[in-house]
């Protein structure tokens, strides 16, 4: 038996890339899958692929940031398969641009698809679980662009950092209802991210694949851990953010205070602060200048 035998899972953005891999893996693990996809044809193709392999699936087209579509995901799961056990929020877009060149639409579209596209399905599922007194599992898709930062992605990074915070707060609010909420920061080559790969890395990958070696950046590498987080085997884990790529699973630590200076029991004098700031950064072992946090990651990240 698979980890998700007799379970029902919604996967958003499931028509391609990471979401497609997640939908297929959840089905392989025994779940009936509701395939949520803006591109109706792509969603139907994934649902058909699951059915052809002997699984159960239903496709729901539309923008998951719309409340009506998000509510329809829960309704479809319950009416066609009898229940809802997990939601994997994956839907997303990229509109990369440096801040000074970014349009209002490039900001608004990314924030809407990612943040509201997580909010609406999560709210619909949590209302169902609370009202039906059933446990549930939420898996959200953050990014290293949000928790570490990435040049040219202020819109995407802000949305993804918001998703990490959203997941943590939902975990606290829904704990009383036995609902878990975790986020992943995946790294994989998809239609959205392939152009971000440096030419030398792209060539190394091509040669590696020709030799039949493990493809570290295959989107389907993310799916097994997501299936685990969507299963009852992970019921003791909530409010966490995991890096998932290749054969690697990382656990990220949230923002933590690493140094402090005090004002001797009274309000700070603004003119006294400059002389004390060096002390703060020395305690922390940090550079006060802008840093490339991606450079500290264990792997060449494609978010």
Protein backbone atom coordinates (compact mmCIF):
# COMPACT_ATOMS: atom_id res chain seq x y z
CA UNK A 1 0.00 0.00 0.00
CA UNK A 2 1.11 3.55 -0.74
CA UNK A 3 1.37 6.39 1.73
CA UNK A 4 -1.87 7.89 0.38
CA UNK A 5 -3.99 4.79 -0.07
CA UNK A 6 -7.71 5.73 -0.03
CA UNK A 7 -6.88 9.43 0.42
CA UNK A 8 -8.06 12.36 -1.70
CA UNK A 9 -5.56 15.07 -2.63
CA UNK A 10 -5.93 18.38 -4.47
CA UNK A 11 -2.87 19.59 -6.39
CA UNK A 12 -2.92 23.09 -7.88
CA UNK A 13 -0.87 24.05 -10.91
CA UNK A 14 -0.79 20.34 -11.70
CA UNK A 15 -0.69 20.54 -15.48
CA UNK A 16 3.08 20.83 -15.86
CA UNK A 17 6.42 20.81 -14.07
CA UNK A 18 6.58 20.26 -10.34
CA UNK A 19 2.79 20.17 -9.93
CA UNK A 20 2.39 17.49 -12.57
CA UNK A 21 5.01 15.36 -10.84
CA UNK A 22 3.25 15.86 -7.50
CA UNK A 23 -0.12 14.84 -8.93
CA UNK A 24 1.30 11.70 -10.54
CA UNK A 25 3.21 10.70 -7.39
CA UNK A 26 0.18 11.20 -5.14
CA UNK A 27 -1.76 8.94 -7.51
CA UNK A 28 1.04 6.34 -7.43
CA UNK A 29 0.83 6.44 -3.64
CA UNK A 30 -2.87 5.52 -3.84
CA UNK A 31 -4.65 8.88 -3.74
CA UNK A 32 -7.55 10.06 -5.84
CA UNK A 33 -6.28 13.36 -7.25
CA UNK A 34 -8.13 16.56 -8.08
CA UNK A 35 -5.98 18.16 -10.77
CA UNK A 36 -6.33 21.94 -10.56
CA UNK A 37 -4.89 23.75 -13.58
CA UNK A 38 -5.50 27.12 -15.27
CA UNK A 39 -4.83 25.51 -18.66
CA UNK A 40 -7.83 23.19 -18.99
CA UNK A 41 -6.24 21.02 -21.69
CA UNK A 42 -3.06 20.44 -19.67
CA UNK A 43 -5.11 19.55 -16.59
CA UNK A 44 -7.23 17.07 -18.49
CA UNK A 45 -4.10 15.42 -19.89
CA UNK A 46 -2.68 14.82 -16.41
CA UNK A 47 -6.01 13.50 -15.12
CA UNK A 48 -6.19 11.16 -18.13
CA UNK A 49 -2.64 9.97 -17.49
CA UNK A 50 -3.55 9.07 -13.91
CA UNK A 51 -6.67 7.21 -15.02
CA UNK A 52 -4.80 5.33 -17.73
CA UNK A 53 -2.39 4.10 -15.04
CA UNK A 54 -5.35 2.74 -13.05
CA UNK A 55 -5.80 5.67 -10.66
CA UNK A 56 -8.63 8.06 -9.93
CA UNK A 57 -8.56 11.71 -10.97
CA UNK A 58 -10.74 14.67 -11.85
CA UNK A 59 -9.63 17.89 -13.53
CA UNK A 60 -10.88 21.30 -12.41
CA UNK A 61 -9.90 24.20 -14.71
CA UNK A 62 -9.63 27.83 -13.68
CA UNK A 63 -7.73 30.38 -11.63
CA UNK A 64 -7.29 28.98 -8.10
CA UNK A 65 -6.92 32.55 -6.83
CA UNK A 66 -10.66 32.91 -7.50
CA UNK A 67 -12.70 31.86 -4.49
CA UNK A 68 -15.33 30.12 -6.64
CA UNK A 69 -12.68 27.94 -8.27
CA UNK A 70 -11.00 27.21 -4.93
CA UNK A 71 -14.32 26.21 -3.41
CA UNK A 72 -15.00 23.99 -6.45
CA UNK A 73 -11.84 22.03 -5.73
CA UNK A 74 -13.18 20.98 -2.33
CA UNK A 75 -16.65 20.32 -3.73
CA UNK A 76 -15.22 18.14 -6.50
CA UNK A 77 -13.08 16.15 -4.06
CA UNK A 78 -16.02 15.48 -1.75
CA UNK A 79 -18.68 14.84 -4.38
CA UNK A 80 -16.57 12.62 -6.66
CA UNK A 81 -14.32 10.87 -4.15
CA UNK A 82 -16.10 11.20 -0.81
CA UNK A 83 -13.69 13.40 1.16
CA UNK A 84 -10.66 15.69 1.09
CA UNK A 85 -7.47 14.75 2.93
CA UNK A 86 -4.75 17.04 1.61
CA UNK A 87 -4.11 20.11 -0.53
CA UNK A 88 -0.84 20.74 -2.34
CA UNK A 89 -0.62 24.41 -3.32
CA UNK A 90 1.76 24.68 -6.25
CA UNK A 91 0.28 27.09 -8.82
CA UNK A 92 2.59 29.97 -9.70
CA UNK A 93 4.04 32.26 -12.38
CA UNK A 94 7.22 34.23 -12.97
CA UNK A 95 7.48 37.84 -14.13
CA UNK A 96 11.16 38.53 -13.43
CA UNK A 97 12.29 42.15 -13.62
CA UNK A 98 14.44 44.46 -11.54
CA UNK A 99 12.39 46.70 -9.28
CA UNK A 100 12.87 49.98 -11.17
CA UNK A 101 11.78 48.34 -14.45
CA UNK A 102 8.86 46.37 -13.00
CA UNK A 103 5.33 47.28 -14.08
CA UNK A 104 2.30 47.36 -11.79
CA UNK A 105 0.90 44.34 -13.61
CA UNK A 106 4.11 42.33 -13.18
CA UNK A 107 3.93 42.94 -9.44
CA UNK A 108 0.19 42.43 -9.04
CA UNK A 109 -0.06 39.29 -11.18
CA UNK A 110 2.71 37.46 -9.32
CA UNK A 111 1.41 38.44 -5.88
CA UNK A 112 -2.13 37.38 -6.83
CA UNK A 113 -1.28 34.01 -8.34
CA UNK A 114 1.05 32.99 -5.53
CA UNK A 115 -0.38 34.54 -2.37
CA UNK A 116 -4.08 34.63 -3.17
CA UNK A 117 -3.63 31.36 -5.07
CA UNK A 118 -2.50 29.81 -1.79
CA UNK A 119 -4.98 31.64 0.41
CA UNK A 120 -8.19 30.71 -1.43
CA UNK A 121 -7.72 26.91 -1.70
CA UNK A 122 -6.31 26.76 1.83
CA UNK A 123 -9.27 28.64 3.28
CA UNK A 124 -11.73 26.42 1.41
CA UNK A 125 -10.02 23.25 2.64
CA UNK A 126 -9.68 24.46 6.24
CA UNK A 127 -13.34 25.39 6.38
CA UNK A 128 -14.22 21.90 5.19
CA UNK A 129 -11.94 20.18 7.71
CA UNK A 130 -13.20 22.32 10.60
CA UNK A 131 -16.85 21.80 9.73
CA UNK A 132 -16.53 18.07 9.04
CA UNK A 133 -14.20 17.52 12.01
CA UNK A 134 -11.68 15.73 9.80
CA UNK A 135 -7.89 16.01 9.98
CA UNK A 136 -6.02 17.30 6.93
CA UNK A 137 -2.65 18.19 5.45
CA UNK A 138 -1.50 21.31 3.60
CA UNK A 139 1.68 21.54 1.53
CA UNK A 140 2.57 25.02 0.28
CA UNK A 141 5.21 26.05 -2.23
CA UNK A 142 7.60 28.74 -1.04
CA UNK A 143 11.03 29.34 -2.61
CA UNK A 144 14.62 30.14 -1.77
CA UNK A 145 13.95 33.38 -3.67
CA UNK A 146 11.70 34.31 -0.76
CA UNK A 147 13.59 32.93 2.23
CA UNK A 148 17.07 33.80 0.90
CA UNK A 149 16.36 36.45 -1.74
CA UNK A 150 17.22 36.56 -5.44
CA UNK A 151 18.19 39.40 -7.78
CA UNK A 152 15.42 40.45 -10.16
CA UNK A 153 12.66 38.69 -8.25
CA UNK A 154 11.30 41.23 -5.78
CA UNK A 155 7.71 40.31 -6.74
CA UNK A 156 8.23 36.55 -6.74
CA UNK A 157 10.45 36.59 -3.66
CA UNK A 158 8.02 38.74 -1.68
CA UNK A 159 5.18 36.37 -2.57
CA UNK A 160 7.20 33.28 -1.68
CA UNK A 161 8.36 34.74 1.65
CA UNK A 162 4.71 35.52 2.34
CA UNK A 163 3.79 31.90 1.62
CA UNK A 164 6.34 30.65 4.15
CA UNK A 165 4.85 32.97 6.79
CA UNK A 166 1.31 32.06 5.73
CA UNK A 167 2.07 28.37 6.17
CA UNK A 168 3.48 28.91 9.66
CA UNK A 169 0.45 30.90 10.80
CA UNK A 170 -2.04 28.43 9.31
CA UNK A 171 -0.18 25.67 11.19
CA UNK A 172 -0.80 27.49 14.48
CA UNK A 173 -4.44 28.29 13.74
CA UNK A 174 -5.38 24.83 12.50
CA UNK A 175 -3.48 22.72 15.03
CA UNK A 176 -6.60 22.41 17.19
CA UNK A 177 -8.37 20.78 14.23
CA UNK A 178 -5.54 18.29 13.58
CA UNK A 179 -4.58 19.98 10.32
CA UNK A 180 -0.89 20.26 9.44
CA UNK A 181 0.60 23.02 7.30
CA UNK A 182 4.12 22.86 5.89
CA UNK A 183 5.96 24.56 3.04
CA UNK A 184 8.61 23.43 0.63
CA UNK A 185 11.23 25.51 -1.18
CA UNK A 186 11.81 23.30 -4.24
CA UNK A 187 14.58 23.49 -6.78
CA UNK A 188 13.96 22.04 -10.22
CA UNK A 189 14.13 22.80 -13.92
CA UNK A 190 10.67 23.53 -15.30
CA UNK A 191 9.30 25.50 -18.23
CA UNK A 192 9.28 28.54 -15.89
CA UNK A 193 12.84 28.19 -14.60
CA UNK A 194 14.91 26.62 -17.40
CA UNK A 195 16.04 30.00 -18.69
CA UNK A 196 17.54 30.81 -15.27
CA UNK A 197 20.13 28.04 -15.54
CA UNK A 198 23.61 29.39 -16.45
CA UNK A 199 24.81 28.15 -19.86
CA UNK A 200 27.74 26.21 -18.36
CA UNK A 201 25.47 24.44 -15.88
CA UNK A 202 22.97 23.71 -18.66
CA UNK A 203 25.74 22.12 -20.73
CA UNK A 204 27.03 20.11 -17.77
CA UNK A 205 23.50 18.83 -17.19
CA UNK A 206 23.08 17.83 -20.84
CA UNK A 207 26.32 15.86 -20.77
CA UNK A 208 25.36 14.25 -17.46
CA UNK A 209 22.00 13.12 -18.85
CA UNK A 210 23.70 11.68 -21.92
CA UNK A 211 25.82 9.58 -19.56
CA UNK A 212 22.64 8.32 -17.89
CA UNK A 213 23.43 9.97 -14.56
CA UNK A 214 20.90 11.12 -11.96
CA UNK A 215 19.15 14.35 -13.00
CA UNK A 216 19.36 16.47 -9.86
CA UNK A 217 17.01 19.11 -11.31
CA UNK A 218 14.23 16.80 -12.54
CA UNK A 219 10.92 18.29 -11.27
CA UNK A 220 9.67 14.83 -10.33
CA UNK A 221 12.37 14.60 -7.64
CA UNK A 222 10.28 16.96 -5.49
CA UNK A 223 7.16 14.81 -5.55
CA UNK A 224 7.97 11.94 -3.13
CA UNK A 225 8.60 14.29 -0.20
CA UNK A 226 5.42 16.22 -1.00
CA UNK A 227 3.45 12.96 -0.98
CA UNK A 228 4.94 12.25 2.45
CA UNK A 229 3.88 15.67 3.79
CA UNK A 230 0.38 15.05 2.41
CA UNK A 231 0.15 11.73 4.25
CA UNK A 232 -0.77 10.79 7.81
CA UNK A 233 2.83 9.64 8.31
CA UNK A 234 3.75 13.34 8.69
CA UNK A 235 0.98 14.22 11.16
CA UNK A 236 3.55 15.13 13.84
CA UNK A 237 5.18 17.80 11.63
CA UNK A 238 3.68 21.25 11.07
CA UNK A 239 4.73 24.86 10.53
CA UNK A 240 8.05 23.95 8.92
CA UNK A 241 9.82 24.91 5.69
CA UNK A 242 11.82 22.29 3.80
CA UNK A 243 14.24 22.65 0.92
CA UNK A 244 13.60 19.87 -1.59
CA UNK A 245 15.73 19.19 -4.65
CA UNK A 246 17.38 16.22 -6.31
CA UNK A 247 18.12 13.65 -3.61
CA UNK A 248 18.27 16.37 -0.91
CA UNK A 249 15.81 17.39 1.79
CA UNK A 250 16.79 20.38 3.95
CA UNK A 251 15.11 21.89 7.01
CA UNK A 252 15.15 25.69 7.16
CA UNK A 253 15.28 27.54 10.45
CA UNK A 254 13.02 30.61 10.65
CA UNK A 255 14.32 34.11 11.31
CA UNK A 256 16.10 34.03 14.67
CA UNK A 257 17.56 36.90 16.71
CA UNK A 258 21.35 36.46 16.70
CA UNK A 259 22.57 39.62 18.43
CA UNK A 260 21.34 42.50 20.61
CA UNK A 261 22.44 45.89 21.90
CA UNK A 262 20.59 47.68 24.72
CA UNK A 263 20.06 51.35 25.50
CA UNK A 264 20.92 51.16 29.23
CA UNK A 265 17.33 51.12 30.43
CA UNK A 266 16.11 54.20 28.59
CA UNK A 267 14.94 55.23 25.14
CA UNK A 268 17.69 55.29 22.56
CA UNK A 269 19.34 58.59 21.68
CA UNK A 270 19.46 58.50 17.87
CA UNK A 271 22.91 60.12 17.88
CA UNK A 272 24.29 57.29 20.05
CA UNK A 273 23.23 54.52 17.67
CA UNK A 274 26.00 54.87 15.02
CA UNK A 275 28.72 54.11 17.57
CA UNK A 276 26.95 50.92 18.67
CA UNK A 277 26.01 49.37 15.33
CA UNK A 278 29.41 47.81 14.72
CA UNK A 279 29.00 45.97 18.02
CA UNK A 280 25.72 44.46 16.83
CA UNK A 281 27.15 43.14 13.56
CA UNK A 282 30.31 41.86 15.25
CA UNK A 283 28.22 39.83 17.70
CA UNK A 284 26.30 38.31 14.79
CA UNK A 285 29.31 37.77 12.55
CA UNK A 286 27.39 39.44 9.73
CA UNK A 287 28.32 41.93 7.03
CA UNK A 288 26.14 45.07 7.17
CA UNK A 289 26.33 45.41 3.36
CA UNK A 290 23.94 43.62 0.94
CA UNK A 291 24.71 39.91 0.69
CA UNK A 292 24.04 37.24 -1.90
CA UNK A 293 22.36 34.69 0.36
CA UNK A 294 21.93 32.26 -2.54
CA UNK A 295 25.71 31.91 -2.58
CA UNK A 296 25.49 30.27 0.85
CA UNK A 297 23.08 27.56 -0.27
CA UNK A 298 24.27 23.96 -0.42
CA UNK A 299 23.21 23.53 -4.03
CA UNK A 300 23.05 25.58 -7.21
CA UNK A 301 19.49 26.69 -6.65
CA UNK A 302 16.88 26.99 -9.39
CA UNK A 303 13.72 28.32 -7.71
